[in-house]
Amino acid sequence: MLSKDFIVLPSAYLAPISYYYFLSKNRAAIIDIHENFVKRSIRNRAYLLGPNGHILLTVPKKKTMFRSMNKIEIFTISKWASKHWKAIISCYNSSPYFKYYKDDFENIYSCKHNYLFELNRKLNDLILDILKIKCNCIYSTNYVITQNKEMDYRDQKYLQQYNYSKVFKEHDNKIELSIIDLIFNLGPDSKKYLKSIYI
C-alpha cells in the first residue's frame, strides 16, 4: 500500500500542463510504469498548437502481447522522432523562448529510445529541470495500489484550458496542450504561472 503523502501519475509523453501543476504542488510522486498501457492517452500522445490549429503527436508502439507500461516498445522504423521534432519546430520556432530550450529537446529526439517509459522519463526529467520543480519523482517497481483515491491521477482527464500568451492563440480550444507550449511561450515564468492557477 502507498502512503497518502505521494501522488500517483501515469508515465506521460510531453505531458499536459495539468500534469506539471500536480507535480508543482507536491513534494513526491510515484510514476506508475507497471500499470496497463491505456490507448489514446497521455502515455504516448500530446497536443501542440500550430499555425493551423492543434497537432496531435503520437509515439508509435510495437504490437505486443505485453500490456504493462514498462514493457511497451517504440516502433522505431516509422522515423517518428524526426517527424515529431519537425512538428515542434513548426509550432514553436517563432515563440519567445524556443531558442533557449531547443537544443536540450533536440538532444533527446536525436537519440534512439527502445521503450516508451524511458523516453517519457528523459523528457520529464528535462521539463522538471527547466521548470525548477522540486517534486521527487519515483518510478514504480510494481503496480501501485493507493490508499487515497484523491491522490491518484492515473485516470485524470486533461481537458483544462489556460489563458496565457500563445503565438497561435486564435486556434486554441478545449484540448489541453503539452507543457512545452507553456515553456516555449512563457519561459522562466512558466513555474510562476503554474503556481497561479487552480485545478
N, C-alpha and C. Protein backbone atom coordinates (compact mmCIF):
# COMPACT_ATOMS: atom_id res chain seq x y z
N MET A 1 0.83 -1.21 0.00
CA MET A 1 0.00 0.00 0.00
C MET A 1 0.87 1.26 0.00
N LEU A 2 0.38 2.27 -0.68
CA LEU A 2 1.14 3.51 -0.82
C LEU A 2 0.71 4.54 0.22
N SER A 3 1.68 5.24 0.76
CA SER A 3 1.38 6.31 1.71
C SER A 3 0.60 7.42 1.03
N LYS A 4 -0.26 8.10 1.81
CA LYS A 4 -1.05 9.20 1.26
C LYS A 4 -0.21 10.45 1.02
N ASP A 5 1.09 10.40 1.36
CA ASP A 5 1.97 11.55 1.14
C ASP A 5 2.41 11.66 -0.32
N PHE A 6 2.11 10.69 -1.14
CA PHE A 6 2.51 10.67 -2.54
C PHE A 6 1.29 10.84 -3.45
N ILE A 7 1.50 11.53 -4.56
CA ILE A 7 0.51 11.46 -5.62
C ILE A 7 0.96 10.38 -6.60
N VAL A 8 0.02 9.85 -7.37
CA VAL A 8 0.33 8.82 -8.36
C VAL A 8 -0.05 9.34 -9.73
N LEU A 9 0.89 9.25 -10.66
CA LEU A 9 0.67 9.71 -12.03
C LEU A 9 1.08 8.62 -13.01
N PRO A 10 0.52 8.65 -14.22
CA PRO A 10 1.00 7.73 -15.25
C PRO A 10 2.27 8.27 -15.90
N SER A 11 3.01 7.42 -16.54
CA SER A 11 4.10 7.88 -17.40
C SER A 11 3.46 8.61 -18.58
N ALA A 12 3.98 9.77 -18.95
CA ALA A 12 3.33 10.58 -19.99
C ALA A 12 4.34 11.14 -20.97
N TYR A 13 3.90 11.23 -22.22
CA TYR A 13 4.74 11.79 -23.29
C TYR A 13 4.45 13.29 -23.43
N LEU A 14 5.47 14.13 -23.22
CA LEU A 14 5.29 15.59 -23.28
C LEU A 14 3.99 15.96 -22.57
N ALA A 15 3.92 15.59 -21.32
CA ALA A 15 2.68 15.65 -20.55
C ALA A 15 1.99 17.01 -20.59
N PRO A 16 0.66 17.02 -20.39
CA PRO A 16 -0.09 18.27 -20.42
C PRO A 16 0.23 19.17 -19.22
N ILE A 17 -0.22 20.40 -19.30
CA ILE A 17 0.08 21.40 -18.28
C ILE A 17 -0.41 20.96 -16.91
N SER A 18 -1.60 20.36 -16.82
CA SER A 18 -2.14 19.92 -15.54
C SER A 18 -1.21 18.95 -14.83
N TYR A 19 -0.56 18.10 -15.58
CA TYR A 19 0.36 17.10 -15.03
C TYR A 19 1.44 17.79 -14.20
N TYR A 20 1.98 18.89 -14.75
CA TYR A 20 3.05 19.61 -14.04
C TYR A 20 2.49 20.54 -12.97
N TYR A 21 1.24 20.89 -13.08
CA TYR A 21 0.58 21.59 -11.98
C TYR A 21 0.57 20.68 -10.76
N PHE A 22 0.18 19.41 -10.94
CA PHE A 22 0.14 18.46 -9.82
C PHE A 22 1.54 18.23 -9.25
N LEU A 23 2.53 18.11 -10.13
CA LEU A 23 3.90 17.91 -9.65
C LEU A 23 4.41 19.13 -8.88
N SER A 24 4.03 20.33 -9.33
CA SER A 24 4.49 21.55 -8.67
C SER A 24 3.88 21.74 -7.28
N LYS A 25 2.74 21.08 -7.03
CA LYS A 25 2.03 21.23 -5.77
C LYS A 25 2.38 20.15 -4.74
N ASN A 26 3.22 19.20 -5.14
CA ASN A 26 3.53 18.07 -4.26
C ASN A 26 5.04 17.83 -4.17
N ARG A 27 5.46 17.30 -3.03
CA ARG A 27 6.89 17.07 -2.82
C ARG A 27 7.36 15.75 -3.40
N ALA A 28 6.43 14.81 -3.60
CA ALA A 28 6.82 13.50 -4.12
C ALA A 28 5.70 12.91 -4.96
N ALA A 29 6.11 12.13 -5.96
CA ALA A 29 5.14 11.49 -6.85
C ALA A 29 5.66 10.12 -7.26
N ILE A 30 4.73 9.19 -7.38
CA ILE A 30 5.04 7.88 -7.95
C ILE A 30 4.58 7.90 -9.40
N ILE A 31 5.49 7.63 -10.31
CA ILE A 31 5.13 7.46 -11.72
C ILE A 31 4.95 5.96 -11.93
N ASP A 32 3.72 5.55 -12.20
CA ASP A 32 3.42 4.12 -12.29
C ASP A 32 3.76 3.60 -13.68
N ILE A 33 4.85 2.85 -13.77
CA ILE A 33 5.24 2.27 -15.06
C ILE A 33 4.89 0.78 -15.13
N HIS A 34 4.10 0.32 -14.14
CA HIS A 34 3.66 -1.07 -14.16
C HIS A 34 2.14 -1.20 -14.32
N GLU A 35 1.47 -0.09 -14.54
CA GLU A 35 0.05 -0.15 -14.89
C GLU A 35 -0.08 -0.62 -16.33
N ASN A 36 -1.28 -1.02 -16.73
CA ASN A 36 -1.52 -1.39 -18.12
C ASN A 36 -1.51 -0.15 -19.01
N PHE A 37 -0.91 -0.27 -20.17
CA PHE A 37 -0.90 0.81 -21.14
C PHE A 37 -2.33 1.14 -21.55
N VAL A 38 -2.66 2.43 -21.57
CA VAL A 38 -4.00 2.87 -21.95
C VAL A 38 -3.92 3.54 -23.33
N LYS A 39 -4.67 3.02 -24.29
CA LYS A 39 -4.67 3.58 -25.64
C LYS A 39 -5.28 4.98 -25.65
N ARG A 40 -4.84 5.79 -26.61
CA ARG A 40 -5.36 7.14 -26.82
C ARG A 40 -5.30 7.97 -25.53
N SER A 41 -4.17 7.90 -24.88
CA SER A 41 -3.99 8.64 -23.63
C SER A 41 -2.67 9.40 -23.65
N ILE A 42 -2.42 10.13 -22.57
CA ILE A 42 -1.19 10.93 -22.48
C ILE A 42 0.06 10.06 -22.39
N ARG A 43 -0.10 8.77 -22.26
CA ARG A 43 1.06 7.89 -22.15
C ARG A 43 1.91 7.90 -23.41
N ASN A 44 1.28 8.11 -24.56
CA ASN A 44 2.06 8.23 -25.80
C ASN A 44 1.52 9.30 -26.76
N ARG A 45 0.68 10.22 -26.23
CA ARG A 45 0.09 11.26 -27.08
C ARG A 45 0.23 12.63 -26.44
N ALA A 46 0.40 13.65 -27.29
CA ALA A 46 0.46 15.03 -26.80
C ALA A 46 -0.08 15.96 -27.88
N TYR A 47 -0.65 17.09 -27.44
CA TYR A 47 -1.18 18.08 -28.37
C TYR A 47 -0.31 19.34 -28.35
N LEU A 48 0.00 19.82 -29.55
CA LEU A 48 0.70 21.09 -29.74
C LEU A 48 -0.27 22.06 -30.41
N LEU A 49 0.10 23.34 -30.41
CA LEU A 49 -0.71 24.36 -31.08
C LEU A 49 0.11 24.99 -32.18
N GLY A 50 -0.33 24.80 -33.43
CA GLY A 50 0.40 25.30 -34.58
C GLY A 50 -0.36 26.34 -35.37
N PRO A 51 0.16 26.75 -36.51
CA PRO A 51 -0.46 27.82 -37.30
C PRO A 51 -1.83 27.46 -37.85
N ASN A 52 -2.14 26.17 -37.95
CA ASN A 52 -3.44 25.75 -38.47
C ASN A 52 -4.31 25.05 -37.43
N GLY A 53 -3.92 25.19 -36.17
CA GLY A 53 -4.69 24.58 -35.10
C GLY A 53 -3.90 23.53 -34.34
N HIS A 54 -4.62 22.62 -33.72
CA HIS A 54 -3.97 21.61 -32.89
C HIS A 54 -3.33 20.51 -33.72
N ILE A 55 -2.18 20.06 -33.22
CA ILE A 55 -1.45 18.97 -33.85
C ILE A 55 -1.30 17.86 -32.82
N LEU A 56 -1.73 16.67 -33.17
CA LEU A 56 -1.61 15.52 -32.28
C LEU A 56 -0.33 14.76 -32.61
N LEU A 57 0.52 14.58 -31.62
CA LEU A 57 1.72 13.75 -31.76
C LEU A 57 1.47 12.43 -31.05
N THR A 58 1.75 11.33 -31.74
CA THR A 58 1.59 10.01 -31.14
C THR A 58 2.87 9.21 -31.34
N VAL A 59 3.44 8.73 -30.26
CA VAL A 59 4.61 7.85 -30.35
C VAL A 59 4.11 6.46 -30.72
N PRO A 60 4.53 5.92 -31.86
CA PRO A 60 4.03 4.60 -32.28
C PRO A 60 4.65 3.49 -31.43
N LYS A 61 3.85 2.49 -31.13
CA LYS A 61 4.36 1.37 -30.33
C LYS A 61 4.30 0.08 -31.13
N LYS A 62 5.20 -0.82 -30.79
CA LYS A 62 5.19 -2.13 -31.42
C LYS A 62 3.99 -2.93 -30.93
N LYS A 63 3.46 -3.77 -31.81
CA LYS A 63 2.39 -4.67 -31.39
C LYS A 63 3.01 -5.75 -30.51
N THR A 64 2.40 -5.97 -29.38
CA THR A 64 2.97 -6.91 -28.42
C THR A 64 1.87 -7.52 -27.57
N MET A 65 2.17 -8.66 -26.99
CA MET A 65 1.24 -9.30 -26.07
C MET A 65 1.33 -8.66 -24.68
N PHE A 66 2.41 -7.91 -24.44
CA PHE A 66 2.57 -7.26 -23.14
C PHE A 66 1.69 -6.03 -23.04
N ARG A 67 1.14 -5.80 -21.86
CA ARG A 67 0.30 -4.63 -21.64
C ARG A 67 0.90 -3.67 -20.61
N SER A 68 1.84 -4.14 -19.81
CA SER A 68 2.45 -3.31 -18.79
C SER A 68 3.25 -2.18 -19.43
N MET A 69 3.09 -0.96 -18.89
CA MET A 69 3.72 0.22 -19.47
C MET A 69 5.24 0.07 -19.61
N ASN A 70 5.88 -0.57 -18.66
CA ASN A 70 7.34 -0.69 -18.70
C ASN A 70 7.83 -1.64 -19.79
N LYS A 71 6.91 -2.35 -20.45
CA LYS A 71 7.30 -3.28 -21.50
C LYS A 71 6.86 -2.83 -22.89
N ILE A 72 6.29 -1.63 -22.97
CA ILE A 72 5.83 -1.11 -24.26
C ILE A 72 7.03 -0.59 -25.05
N GLU A 73 7.28 -1.21 -26.20
CA GLU A 73 8.41 -0.82 -27.04
C GLU A 73 7.95 0.16 -28.13
N ILE A 74 8.86 1.07 -28.48
CA ILE A 74 8.57 2.06 -29.53
C ILE A 74 8.84 1.45 -30.90
N PHE A 75 7.95 1.71 -31.83
CA PHE A 75 8.12 1.24 -33.21
C PHE A 75 9.04 2.24 -33.93
N THR A 76 10.32 1.97 -33.90
CA THR A 76 11.33 2.94 -34.36
C THR A 76 11.44 3.04 -35.88
N ILE A 77 10.97 2.05 -36.60
CA ILE A 77 11.11 2.06 -38.06
C ILE A 77 10.35 3.23 -38.70
N SER A 78 9.34 3.74 -38.03
CA SER A 78 8.48 4.78 -38.60
C SER A 78 9.12 6.17 -38.66
N LYS A 79 10.33 6.32 -38.11
CA LYS A 79 11.01 7.62 -38.07
C LYS A 79 10.16 8.70 -37.40
N TRP A 80 9.44 8.27 -36.36
CA TRP A 80 8.54 9.17 -35.65
C TRP A 80 9.28 10.36 -35.02
N ALA A 81 10.51 10.12 -34.54
CA ALA A 81 11.22 11.17 -33.80
C ALA A 81 11.49 12.39 -34.66
N SER A 82 11.94 12.17 -35.89
CA SER A 82 12.22 13.31 -36.77
C SER A 82 10.93 14.04 -37.15
N LYS A 83 9.84 13.29 -37.30
CA LYS A 83 8.54 13.92 -37.61
C LYS A 83 8.06 14.76 -36.45
N HIS A 84 8.20 14.24 -35.24
CA HIS A 84 7.77 14.99 -34.06
C HIS A 84 8.61 16.25 -33.87
N TRP A 85 9.92 16.12 -34.07
CA TRP A 85 10.79 17.28 -33.89
C TRP A 85 10.47 18.37 -34.93
N LYS A 86 10.22 17.97 -36.16
CA LYS A 86 9.83 18.93 -37.19
C LYS A 86 8.52 19.62 -36.84
N ALA A 87 7.58 18.87 -36.27
CA ALA A 87 6.30 19.46 -35.86
C ALA A 87 6.51 20.46 -34.73
N ILE A 88 7.38 20.14 -33.79
CA ILE A 88 7.68 21.05 -32.68
C ILE A 88 8.30 22.34 -33.21
N ILE A 89 9.22 22.23 -34.14
CA ILE A 89 9.84 23.41 -34.75
C ILE A 89 8.78 24.26 -35.45
N SER A 90 7.91 23.59 -36.23
CA SER A 90 6.86 24.30 -36.96
C SER A 90 5.95 25.08 -36.03
N CYS A 91 5.64 24.49 -34.88
CA CYS A 91 4.71 25.12 -33.94
C CYS A 91 5.36 26.22 -33.11
N TYR A 92 6.64 26.05 -32.76
CA TYR A 92 7.22 26.91 -31.73
C TYR A 92 8.47 27.68 -32.12
N ASN A 93 8.90 27.56 -33.36
CA ASN A 93 10.10 28.27 -33.78
C ASN A 93 9.99 29.78 -33.59
N SER A 94 8.79 30.32 -33.69
CA SER A 94 8.59 31.76 -33.54
C SER A 94 8.16 32.16 -32.13
N SER A 95 8.09 31.20 -31.22
CA SER A 95 7.71 31.52 -29.84
C SER A 95 8.90 32.16 -29.11
N PRO A 96 8.63 32.95 -28.07
CA PRO A 96 9.68 33.76 -27.44
C PRO A 96 10.87 32.98 -26.86
N TYR A 97 10.64 31.75 -26.37
CA TYR A 97 11.70 31.07 -25.63
C TYR A 97 12.17 29.76 -26.28
N PHE A 98 11.72 29.51 -27.50
CA PHE A 98 12.10 28.25 -28.15
C PHE A 98 13.61 28.11 -28.28
N LYS A 99 14.27 29.18 -28.67
CA LYS A 99 15.72 29.12 -28.91
C LYS A 99 16.52 28.79 -27.65
N TYR A 100 15.95 29.09 -26.49
CA TYR A 100 16.66 28.84 -25.24
C TYR A 100 16.63 27.38 -24.81
N TYR A 101 15.63 26.66 -25.26
CA TYR A 101 15.45 25.27 -24.82
C TYR A 101 15.56 24.24 -25.93
N LYS A 102 15.61 24.68 -27.18
CA LYS A 102 15.51 23.74 -28.30
C LYS A 102 16.62 22.70 -28.32
N ASP A 103 17.84 23.09 -27.97
CA ASP A 103 18.96 22.15 -28.03
C ASP A 103 18.77 20.97 -27.07
N ASP A 104 18.25 21.27 -25.88
CA ASP A 104 18.03 20.19 -24.90
C ASP A 104 16.99 19.20 -25.39
N PHE A 105 15.92 19.71 -26.00
CA PHE A 105 14.89 18.81 -26.53
C PHE A 105 15.40 18.07 -27.76
N GLU A 106 16.12 18.76 -28.61
CA GLU A 106 16.64 18.12 -29.82
C GLU A 106 17.59 16.98 -29.48
N ASN A 107 18.36 17.13 -28.41
CA ASN A 107 19.26 16.05 -27.98
C ASN A 107 18.50 14.78 -27.67
N ILE A 108 17.33 14.92 -27.07
CA ILE A 108 16.52 13.74 -26.74
C ILE A 108 15.95 13.13 -28.01
N TYR A 109 15.46 13.96 -28.92
CA TYR A 109 14.87 13.45 -30.15
C TYR A 109 15.90 12.87 -31.11
N SER A 110 17.15 13.22 -30.94
CA SER A 110 18.18 12.69 -31.82
C SER A 110 18.72 11.34 -31.34
N CYS A 111 18.32 10.92 -30.14
CA CYS A 111 18.75 9.63 -29.60
C CYS A 111 17.68 8.56 -29.84
N LYS A 112 18.13 7.33 -29.94
CA LYS A 112 17.19 6.22 -30.12
C LYS A 112 16.66 5.79 -28.76
N HIS A 113 15.36 5.57 -28.68
CA HIS A 113 14.73 5.09 -27.46
C HIS A 113 13.96 3.82 -27.78
N ASN A 114 14.21 2.78 -27.03
CA ASN A 114 13.56 1.50 -27.30
C ASN A 114 12.22 1.36 -26.58
N TYR A 115 12.16 1.91 -25.37
CA TYR A 115 10.96 1.76 -24.56
C TYR A 115 10.29 3.10 -24.32
N LEU A 116 8.98 3.10 -24.36
CA LEU A 116 8.20 4.33 -24.21
C LEU A 116 8.45 5.00 -22.86
N PHE A 117 8.46 4.23 -21.79
CA PHE A 117 8.62 4.85 -20.47
C PHE A 117 10.00 5.50 -20.32
N GLU A 118 11.02 4.97 -21.03
CA GLU A 118 12.36 5.57 -20.96
C GLU A 118 12.37 6.93 -21.66
N LEU A 119 11.72 7.02 -22.80
CA LEU A 119 11.59 8.30 -23.49
C LEU A 119 10.84 9.30 -22.62
N ASN A 120 9.71 8.87 -22.07
CA ASN A 120 8.91 9.75 -21.23
C ASN A 120 9.69 10.23 -20.01
N ARG A 121 10.50 9.35 -19.46
CA ARG A 121 11.30 9.71 -18.28
C ARG A 121 12.34 10.78 -18.62
N LYS A 122 13.01 10.63 -19.74
CA LYS A 122 14.01 11.62 -20.13
C LYS A 122 13.37 12.98 -20.37
N LEU A 123 12.23 13.00 -21.03
CA LEU A 123 11.53 14.26 -21.26
C LEU A 123 11.04 14.86 -19.95
N ASN A 124 10.53 14.02 -19.06
CA ASN A 124 10.05 14.50 -17.78
C ASN A 124 11.19 15.10 -16.94
N ASP A 125 12.33 14.43 -16.92
CA ASP A 125 13.48 14.94 -16.18
C ASP A 125 13.91 16.31 -16.70
N LEU A 126 13.93 16.45 -18.01
CA LEU A 126 14.31 17.73 -18.62
C LEU A 126 13.30 18.82 -18.27
N ILE A 127 12.03 18.51 -18.38
CA ILE A 127 10.98 19.50 -18.12
C ILE A 127 10.97 19.93 -16.65
N LEU A 128 11.14 18.97 -15.75
CA LEU A 128 11.22 19.32 -14.32
C LEU A 128 12.40 20.24 -14.06
N ASP A 129 13.51 20.00 -14.73
CA ASP A 129 14.70 20.84 -14.57
C ASP A 129 14.44 22.25 -15.10
N ILE A 130 13.82 22.35 -16.26
CA ILE A 130 13.50 23.67 -16.84
C ILE A 130 12.56 24.44 -15.93
N LEU A 131 11.55 23.76 -15.41
CA LEU A 131 10.55 24.41 -14.57
C LEU A 131 11.03 24.63 -13.13
N LYS A 132 12.17 24.00 -12.79
CA LYS A 132 12.70 24.08 -11.42
C LYS A 132 11.69 23.57 -10.39
N ILE A 133 11.02 22.48 -10.77
CA ILE A 133 10.08 21.83 -9.86
C ILE A 133 10.85 20.79 -9.04
N LYS A 134 10.71 20.85 -7.73
CA LYS A 134 11.50 20.03 -6.82
C LYS A 134 10.84 18.69 -6.48
N CYS A 135 9.70 18.41 -7.04
CA CYS A 135 8.99 17.17 -6.71
C CYS A 135 9.87 15.95 -7.01
N ASN A 136 9.97 15.05 -6.06
CA ASN A 136 10.76 13.84 -6.20
C ASN A 136 9.93 12.78 -6.93
N CYS A 137 10.27 12.51 -8.18
CA CYS A 137 9.54 11.52 -8.97
C CYS A 137 10.19 10.15 -8.81
N ILE A 138 9.43 9.21 -8.29
CA ILE A 138 9.91 7.85 -8.07
C ILE A 138 9.18 6.94 -9.04
N TYR A 139 9.93 6.12 -9.77
CA TYR A 139 9.32 5.24 -10.76
C TYR A 139 9.03 3.88 -10.10
N SER A 140 7.81 3.44 -10.26
CA SER A 140 7.33 2.26 -9.52
C SER A 140 8.09 0.99 -9.88
N THR A 141 8.16 0.08 -8.93
CA THR A 141 8.76 -1.23 -9.15
C THR A 141 7.69 -2.31 -9.33
N ASN A 142 6.44 -1.93 -9.08
CA ASN A 142 5.30 -2.80 -9.35
C ASN A 142 4.06 -1.91 -9.47
N TYR A 143 2.92 -2.54 -9.74
CA TYR A 143 1.68 -1.76 -9.86
C TYR A 143 1.36 -1.08 -8.53
N VAL A 144 0.99 0.19 -8.60
CA VAL A 144 0.77 0.99 -7.40
C VAL A 144 -0.68 0.88 -6.93
N ILE A 145 -0.85 0.49 -5.67
CA ILE A 145 -2.17 0.46 -5.03
C ILE A 145 -2.22 1.62 -4.05
N THR A 146 -3.22 2.47 -4.19
CA THR A 146 -3.31 3.68 -3.37
C THR A 146 -4.33 3.54 -2.25
N GLN A 147 -4.04 4.19 -1.13
CA GLN A 147 -4.99 4.26 -0.02
C GLN A 147 -5.98 5.41 -0.23
N ASN A 148 -5.50 6.44 -0.90
CA ASN A 148 -6.31 7.65 -1.07
C ASN A 148 -6.53 7.91 -2.56
N LYS A 149 -7.74 7.65 -3.04
CA LYS A 149 -8.04 7.81 -4.46
C LYS A 149 -7.92 9.26 -4.93
N GLU A 150 -8.03 10.20 -3.99
CA GLU A 150 -7.91 11.61 -4.36
C GLU A 150 -6.48 11.98 -4.75
N MET A 151 -5.52 11.12 -4.41
CA MET A 151 -4.13 11.37 -4.76
C MET A 151 -3.71 10.58 -6.01
N ASP A 152 -4.67 9.88 -6.62
CA ASP A 152 -4.39 9.04 -7.78
C ASP A 152 -4.86 9.74 -9.05
N TYR A 153 -3.92 10.16 -9.88
CA TYR A 153 -4.24 10.91 -11.10
C TYR A 153 -4.01 10.10 -12.38
N ARG A 154 -3.96 8.79 -12.25
CA ARG A 154 -3.72 7.97 -13.44
C ARG A 154 -4.87 8.04 -14.44
N ASP A 155 -6.09 8.27 -13.96
CA ASP A 155 -7.25 8.35 -14.86
C ASP A 155 -7.75 9.77 -15.04
N GLN A 156 -6.92 10.73 -14.68
CA GLN A 156 -7.28 12.15 -14.81
C GLN A 156 -7.58 12.50 -16.27
N LYS A 157 -8.66 13.27 -16.49
CA LYS A 157 -8.99 13.77 -17.83
C LYS A 157 -8.35 15.15 -17.99
N TYR A 158 -7.43 15.27 -18.92
CA TYR A 158 -6.67 16.50 -19.08
C TYR A 158 -7.33 17.39 -20.13
N LEU A 159 -8.36 18.13 -19.69
CA LEU A 159 -9.16 18.93 -20.61
C LEU A 159 -9.20 20.41 -20.20
N GLN A 160 -8.27 20.85 -19.39
CA GLN A 160 -8.26 22.23 -18.93
C GLN A 160 -7.84 23.17 -20.06
N GLN A 161 -8.29 24.42 -19.96
CA GLN A 161 -7.83 25.49 -20.85
C GLN A 161 -7.16 26.55 -20.01
N TYR A 162 -6.11 27.14 -20.56
CA TYR A 162 -5.34 28.12 -19.80
C TYR A 162 -5.18 29.41 -20.59
N ASN A 163 -5.23 30.50 -19.88
CA ASN A 163 -5.14 31.81 -20.52
C ASN A 163 -3.76 32.41 -20.31
N TYR A 164 -2.90 32.22 -21.28
CA TYR A 164 -1.58 32.86 -21.29
C TYR A 164 -1.24 33.19 -22.74
N SER A 165 -0.24 33.99 -22.93
CA SER A 165 0.11 34.45 -24.27
C SER A 165 0.64 33.31 -25.12
N LYS A 166 -0.04 33.04 -26.25
CA LYS A 166 0.37 31.98 -27.17
C LYS A 166 0.56 32.58 -28.56
N VAL A 167 1.48 32.01 -29.34
CA VAL A 167 1.73 32.50 -30.69
C VAL A 167 0.50 32.31 -31.57
N PHE A 168 -0.17 31.16 -31.47
CA PHE A 168 -1.32 30.86 -32.32
C PHE A 168 -2.60 30.76 -31.48
N LYS A 169 -2.80 31.71 -30.58
CA LYS A 169 -3.89 31.66 -29.62
C LYS A 169 -5.27 31.59 -30.29
N GLU A 170 -5.39 32.16 -31.51
CA GLU A 170 -6.69 32.20 -32.18
C GLU A 170 -7.22 30.80 -32.52
N HIS A 171 -6.31 29.80 -32.53
CA HIS A 171 -6.72 28.43 -32.87
C HIS A 171 -6.96 27.56 -31.64
N ASP A 172 -6.77 28.11 -30.45
CA ASP A 172 -6.88 27.30 -29.24
C ASP A 172 -8.35 26.97 -28.94
N ASN A 173 -8.58 25.75 -28.45
CA ASN A 173 -9.92 25.36 -28.00
C ASN A 173 -9.80 24.40 -26.83
N LYS A 174 -10.79 23.57 -26.61
CA LYS A 174 -10.84 22.77 -25.39
C LYS A 174 -10.01 21.49 -25.45
N ILE A 175 -8.80 21.60 -25.92
CA ILE A 175 -7.86 20.49 -25.87
C ILE A 175 -6.67 20.96 -25.06
N GLU A 176 -6.32 20.22 -24.01
CA GLU A 176 -5.20 20.67 -23.19
C GLU A 176 -3.88 20.41 -23.89
N LEU A 177 -3.06 21.44 -23.92
CA LEU A 177 -1.79 21.38 -24.64
C LEU A 177 -0.68 20.79 -23.78
N SER A 178 0.34 20.34 -24.46
CA SER A 178 1.54 19.86 -23.78
C SER A 178 2.19 20.99 -22.99
N ILE A 179 2.90 20.63 -21.95
CA ILE A 179 3.64 21.59 -21.13
C ILE A 179 4.65 22.39 -21.97
N ILE A 180 5.12 21.82 -23.08
CA ILE A 180 6.11 22.57 -23.87
C ILE A 180 5.51 23.82 -24.50
N ASP A 181 4.19 23.84 -24.69
CA ASP A 181 3.55 25.06 -25.19
C ASP A 181 3.73 26.18 -24.17
N LEU A 182 3.54 25.86 -22.91
CA LEU A 182 3.74 26.85 -21.84
C LEU A 182 5.21 27.27 -21.75
N ILE A 183 6.11 26.30 -21.78
CA ILE A 183 7.54 26.58 -21.64
C ILE A 183 8.06 27.46 -22.77
N PHE A 184 7.70 27.13 -24.00
CA PHE A 184 8.21 27.90 -25.14
C PHE A 184 7.59 29.30 -25.23
N ASN A 185 6.42 29.47 -24.65
CA ASN A 185 5.77 30.78 -24.68
C ASN A 185 6.09 31.66 -23.46
N LEU A 186 6.25 31.05 -22.29
CA LEU A 186 6.49 31.84 -21.06
C LEU A 186 7.89 31.71 -20.50
N GLY A 187 8.62 30.69 -20.90
CA GLY A 187 10.00 30.54 -20.45
C GLY A 187 10.12 30.47 -18.94
N PRO A 188 10.99 31.30 -18.34
CA PRO A 188 11.22 31.26 -16.89
C PRO A 188 9.99 31.55 -16.04
N ASP A 189 8.97 32.16 -16.65
CA ASP A 189 7.74 32.47 -15.90
C ASP A 189 6.76 31.30 -15.87
N SER A 190 7.13 30.18 -16.48
CA SER A 190 6.22 29.02 -16.53
C SER A 190 5.87 28.50 -15.15
N LYS A 191 6.87 28.37 -14.28
CA LYS A 191 6.61 27.87 -12.93
C LYS A 191 5.71 28.84 -12.17
N LYS A 192 5.97 30.13 -12.32
CA LYS A 192 5.14 31.14 -11.67
C LYS A 192 3.69 31.02 -12.14
N TYR A 193 3.51 30.76 -13.43
CA TYR A 193 2.16 30.59 -13.98
C TYR A 193 1.48 29.36 -13.36
N LEU A 194 2.22 28.25 -13.25
CA LEU A 194 1.65 27.04 -12.64
C LEU A 194 1.21 27.29 -11.21
N LYS A 195 1.97 28.11 -10.51
CA LYS A 195 1.63 28.44 -9.12
C LYS A 195 0.38 29.32 -9.04
N SER A 196 0.09 30.03 -10.13
CA SER A 196 -1.02 31.00 -10.10
C SER A 196 -2.37 30.40 -10.45
N ILE A 197 -2.38 29.20 -11.04
CA ILE A 197 -3.64 28.60 -11.48
C ILE A 197 -4.17 27.65 -10.41
N TYR A 198 -5.43 27.28 -10.58
CA TYR A 198 -6.04 26.31 -9.66
C TYR A 198 -6.86 25.32 -10.47
N ILE A 199 -6.64 24.03 -10.21
CA ILE A 199 -7.37 22.98 -10.92
C ILE A 199 -8.22 22.22 -9.90
